[in-house]
Each structure stands twice: as structure tokens, then as C-alpha cells.
Amino acid sequence: MRTIPDPAAALTPAGERIHDVAARLFYERGIRATGVDLVADEAGTTKKTLYDRFGSKDGLVAFYLGRRRLRWQRFVLDRLDGVAPGLPRILAMYDALEEWLADASRGCGFVNAHAEIAGTDHPGLAVVHAEKAWARALYVEFSRDAGVTDPDTVGTGLFLLHEGAVVASTAGGVADAIAVARQSARALIAGAVAAASPGAADSVVAEPVR
């Protein structure tokens, strides 16, 4: 099977058109509901060109997920640039998530893809798993910077707040889900810091849900 192109690498103009169309359709319609004929037709190319560039539909899906992962991670890191370590970065993660979801009406593209390809040997699964591991690792790192004694557990809790907020704000219709998750994250860190160093949590000033 043909090697999937590096998501960070530029494609030919036809390859980029195929990716752009596929990315929109996979996210808006779903992976299974989007056939290669439709992608090729809307991209103004042929199925042969699609297969030449990506090897298969699975390869195209994996490439789409890889590109989406890079775009999301660059977006997050850009929003974190210059933010102080610890709690400020944790809260900035939720701010970034809220901004990202403003243009993501169908929620998390990785979770959506996982629902369709889980339980298979699809190459896109590794991309989904790597993305979620990356986000969780950031929360663990920032929890450690905040001075908690068990950053793995606290960071995982923050990650679960993050993931739950995505579902609640899209599928659950909870308009202020991200703001509530952000405030819950602040409370979680305050409690964890207090357990590590009684009195230190006083510096974690409460703020109203925005």
C-alpha cells in the first residue's frame, strides 16, 4: 500500500484541492457518507489522481486527520505563547478551545472520526490517539507547573473536563459549557494546590463564570 504523505508537507495543487474538499466533507457529512467519487468530482480531479496522491480512501482520511491535528496543535501553541506557566496556561487552554469551537459546529473532528473507524486497523486511529495523548500531556505538564502533588491525576481530570465540555457544548447544547469547565478547572487546581501546600490555594483567586 502506498505510504501516506506527511501531513506537514505540501502537496501538488491537485492534492491540496483533494484534501481541502475531503476535509470539509469528512467533517460535515462523515467519513462513511463521503465517497471518493464525490471528493474527486468536487475537487475537479479524478479518482486516479486521488489514489495516486493518497493510496486509498483510508490514506486520505489519515492525511486529513493528520493535517487537522497539526492545525489544532499550532493553534493551541500560538494561544499559549507568552502565557505564564501553571494555572494561567491551564485556563488559556479552555480559552483556546472555546475559540476553536466557534468554527467547529460538529464538535471534535477526532472524536467524530473515531466513532466511525474504531475497532478497525484504520491508519487514522493512530492520529486520533496521538492527538488525545498530546492534549492530556499538556494538562499534566501544566498541572505539574502549578505545583500539585499528583499532576498525572489532576492533569487527566483537566483533560476530561476539556473533552466533556466539547460534547456538552455541541451535542448537549450547553451554551456555557467551556466557561463552566474553565471554572471547574480553576477549582480543581485550587483544591490540589491546597492539598500540596495548605494556604497556597489562596493565590488561586476565584472568578465568575464568563
Protein backbone atom coordinates (compact mmCIF):
# COMPACT_ATOMS: atom_id res chain seq x y z
CA MET A 1 0.00 0.00 0.00
CA ARG A 2 1.24 3.48 -0.85
CA THR A 3 2.78 5.45 2.02
CA ILE A 4 0.51 8.19 3.36
CA PRO A 5 2.01 11.63 2.63
CA ASP A 6 3.47 13.60 5.52
CA PRO A 7 0.67 15.94 6.73
CA ALA A 8 3.25 18.68 7.26
CA ALA A 9 4.43 18.51 3.66
CA ALA A 10 2.96 20.48 0.78
CA LEU A 11 1.05 18.54 -1.86
CA THR A 12 0.63 19.18 -5.55
CA PRO A 13 -2.15 21.67 -6.37
CA ALA A 14 -4.48 18.78 -7.21
CA GLY A 15 -3.55 17.03 -3.98
CA GLU A 16 -4.28 20.14 -1.95
CA ARG A 17 -7.68 20.52 -3.63
CA ILE A 18 -8.50 16.91 -2.87
CA HIS A 19 -7.51 17.36 0.76
CA ASP A 20 -9.45 20.60 1.17
CA VAL A 21 -12.62 19.11 -0.25
CA ALA A 22 -12.23 15.88 1.71
CA ALA A 23 -11.56 17.75 4.96
CA ARG A 24 -14.80 19.69 4.57
CA LEU A 25 -16.89 16.69 3.57
CA PHE A 26 -15.46 14.28 6.15
CA TYR A 27 -16.18 16.78 8.91
CA GLU A 28 -19.59 17.96 7.69
CA ARG A 29 -21.02 14.70 6.30
CA GLY A 30 -18.94 11.98 7.93
CA ILE A 31 -16.30 9.61 6.61
CA ARG A 32 -18.55 6.74 5.58
CA ALA A 33 -21.06 9.06 3.92
CA THR A 34 -18.35 10.62 1.76
CA GLY A 35 -17.20 8.60 -1.21
CA VAL A 36 -14.10 9.12 -3.30
CA ASP A 37 -16.24 9.87 -6.37
CA LEU A 38 -17.77 12.88 -4.63
CA VAL A 39 -14.39 14.09 -3.37
CA ALA A 40 -12.77 13.79 -6.79
CA ASP A 41 -15.72 15.45 -8.51
CA GLU A 42 -15.83 18.45 -6.14
CA ALA A 43 -12.04 18.78 -6.30
CA GLY A 44 -12.18 18.88 -10.10
CA THR A 45 -9.92 15.87 -10.49
CA THR A 46 -10.13 12.10 -10.93
CA LYS A 47 -10.21 9.09 -8.64
CA LYS A 48 -6.92 8.01 -10.19
CA THR A 49 -5.29 11.25 -9.06
CA LEU A 50 -6.74 10.77 -5.57
CA TYR A 51 -5.35 7.25 -5.35
CA ASP A 52 -2.02 8.34 -6.82
CA ARG A 53 -1.65 11.00 -4.13
CA PHE A 54 -3.07 9.18 -1.09
CA GLY A 55 -3.09 5.48 -1.93
CA SER A 56 -6.65 4.85 -0.78
CA LYS A 57 -9.62 6.47 0.89
CA ASP A 58 -8.18 5.34 4.24
CA GLY A 59 -4.95 7.09 3.37
CA LEU A 60 -6.85 10.27 2.55
CA VAL A 61 -8.73 10.07 5.86
CA ALA A 62 -5.48 9.60 7.78
CA PHE A 63 -3.93 12.55 5.96
CA TYR A 64 -6.97 14.72 6.71
CA LEU A 65 -6.75 13.82 10.40
CA GLY A 66 -3.01 14.48 10.41
CA ARG A 67 -3.49 17.93 8.86
CA ARG A 68 -6.30 18.70 11.32
CA ARG A 69 -4.07 17.63 14.19
CA LEU A 70 -1.26 19.93 13.06
CA ARG A 71 -3.65 22.84 12.60
CA TRP A 72 -5.18 22.38 16.07
CA GLN A 73 -1.83 21.96 17.81
CA ARG A 74 -0.35 25.03 16.14
CA PHE A 75 -3.49 26.98 17.08
CA VAL A 76 -3.18 25.95 20.74
CA LEU A 77 0.55 26.64 20.98
CA ASP A 78 0.04 30.05 19.40
CA ARG A 79 -2.59 30.90 22.02
CA LEU A 80 -0.29 29.68 24.82
CA ASP A 81 2.68 31.71 23.63
CA GLY A 82 3.67 34.20 26.31
CA VAL A 83 1.21 32.85 28.90
CA ALA A 84 2.71 32.19 32.34
CA PRO A 85 3.20 28.54 33.40
CA GLY A 86 0.78 26.70 35.65
CA LEU A 87 -2.79 27.86 36.18
CA PRO A 88 -2.71 30.66 33.55
CA ARG A 89 -1.80 28.14 30.84
CA ILE A 90 -4.46 25.72 32.04
CA LEU A 91 -7.12 28.41 31.78
CA ALA A 92 -5.73 29.53 28.42
CA MET A 93 -6.31 26.00 27.11
CA TYR A 94 -10.04 26.38 27.71
CA ASP A 95 -10.00 29.84 26.14
CA ALA A 96 -8.33 28.35 23.06
CA LEU A 97 -10.87 25.53 22.98
CA GLU A 98 -13.76 27.98 23.12
CA GLU A 99 -12.29 29.99 20.24
CA TRP A 100 -11.66 26.86 18.17
CA LEU A 101 -15.19 25.53 18.67
CA ALA A 102 -16.67 28.77 17.37
CA ASP A 103 -15.86 27.41 13.89
CA ALA A 104 -16.48 23.73 14.67
CA SER A 105 -20.24 23.24 14.73
CA ARG A 106 -19.99 19.44 14.67
CA GLY A 107 -17.67 19.23 17.65
CA CYS A 108 -14.39 17.36 17.75
CA GLY A 109 -13.36 16.03 14.37
CA PHE A 110 -11.14 13.42 16.02
CA VAL A 111 -13.93 12.02 18.18
CA ASN A 112 -16.27 12.02 15.19
CA ALA A 113 -13.72 10.10 13.14
CA HIS A 114 -13.05 7.66 15.97
CA ALA A 115 -16.76 6.83 16.14
CA GLU A 116 -16.58 5.69 12.52
CA ILE A 117 -13.23 3.88 12.39
CA ALA A 118 -12.84 2.42 15.90
CA GLY A 119 -12.29 -1.32 16.09
CA THR A 120 -10.52 -1.47 12.74
CA ASP A 121 -6.91 -1.27 11.57
CA HIS A 122 -7.56 2.13 10.01
CA PRO A 123 -4.36 4.25 9.86
CA GLY A 124 -6.31 7.27 11.11
CA LEU A 125 -6.75 5.72 14.56
CA ALA A 126 -3.11 6.33 15.43
CA VAL A 127 -3.57 10.02 14.60
CA VAL A 128 -6.64 10.30 16.84
CA HIS A 129 -4.92 8.53 19.74
CA ALA A 130 -1.80 10.67 19.37
CA GLU A 131 -3.84 13.88 19.39
CA LYS A 132 -5.70 12.98 22.58
CA ALA A 133 -2.45 11.88 24.24
CA TRP A 134 -0.88 15.22 23.31
CA ALA A 135 -3.72 17.24 24.85
CA ARG A 136 -3.70 15.17 28.03
CA ALA A 137 0.09 15.53 28.31
CA LEU A 138 -0.22 19.32 28.14
CA TYR A 139 -2.66 19.35 31.04
CA VAL A 140 -0.37 17.07 33.04
CA GLU A 141 2.61 19.33 32.33
CA PHE A 142 0.70 22.46 33.30
CA SER A 143 -0.59 20.78 36.47
CA ARG A 144 2.98 19.94 37.43
CA ASP A 145 3.94 23.57 36.82
CA ALA A 146 1.06 24.65 39.08
CA GLY A 147 2.62 22.75 41.98
CA VAL A 148 0.19 19.89 42.54
CA THR A 149 1.48 16.66 44.06
CA ASP A 150 -0.20 14.30 41.60
CA PRO A 151 -0.04 16.01 38.20
CA ASP A 152 -0.95 12.84 36.30
CA THR A 153 -4.30 12.51 38.06
CA VAL A 154 -5.06 16.23 38.13
CA GLY A 155 -3.98 16.70 34.52
CA THR A 156 -6.15 13.80 33.43
CA GLY A 157 -9.06 15.38 35.28
CA LEU A 158 -8.49 18.65 33.43
CA PHE A 159 -8.33 16.76 30.14
CA LEU A 160 -11.66 15.07 30.94
CA LEU A 161 -13.20 18.47 31.66
CA HIS A 162 -11.89 19.60 28.28
CA GLU A 163 -13.33 16.63 26.41
CA GLY A 164 -16.64 16.74 28.26
CA ALA A 165 -17.03 20.43 27.54
CA VAL A 166 -16.69 19.78 23.81
CA VAL A 167 -19.51 17.23 23.88
CA ALA A 168 -21.71 19.33 26.17
CA SER A 169 -21.30 22.48 24.09
CA THR A 170 -22.12 20.77 20.80
CA ALA A 171 -24.21 17.62 21.25
CA GLY A 172 -25.50 18.64 24.68
CA GLY A 173 -26.50 22.18 23.81
CA VAL A 174 -24.91 23.65 26.95
CA ALA A 175 -24.05 27.16 25.79
CA ASP A 176 -21.64 27.95 28.63
CA ALA A 177 -20.02 24.51 28.82
CA ILE A 178 -16.49 25.80 28.18
CA ALA A 179 -16.85 28.57 30.77
CA VAL A 180 -18.13 26.09 33.36
CA ALA A 181 -15.28 23.68 32.56
CA ARG A 182 -12.80 26.54 32.92
CA GLN A 183 -14.16 27.47 36.34
CA SER A 184 -14.19 23.80 37.38
CA ALA A 185 -10.56 23.55 36.30
CA ARG A 186 -9.69 26.52 38.50
CA ALA A 187 -11.44 24.87 41.46
CA LEU A 188 -9.68 21.56 40.80
CA ILE A 189 -6.27 23.23 40.76
CA ALA A 190 -7.11 25.23 43.90
CA GLY A 191 -8.01 22.05 45.75
CA ALA A 192 -4.94 20.19 44.51
CA VAL A 193 -2.63 23.08 45.41
CA ALA A 194 -4.21 23.35 48.86
CA ALA A 195 -3.61 19.65 49.44
CA ALA A 196 0.02 20.05 48.44
CA SER A 197 0.66 23.24 50.38
CA PRO A 198 -2.07 24.46 52.77
CA GLY A 199 -2.65 28.18 52.29
CA ALA A 200 -1.14 28.30 48.81
CA ALA A 201 -4.56 27.94 47.20
CA ASP A 202 -5.41 31.46 48.36
CA SER A 203 -3.48 32.69 45.34
CA VAL A 204 -5.89 30.89 43.04
CA VAL A 205 -8.46 33.68 43.06
CA ALA A 206 -11.98 32.66 42.13
CA GLU A 207 -13.53 34.33 39.14
CA PRO A 208 -17.14 34.30 37.92
CA VAL A 209 -18.23 32.02 35.10
CA ARG A 210 -17.98 34.10 31.94
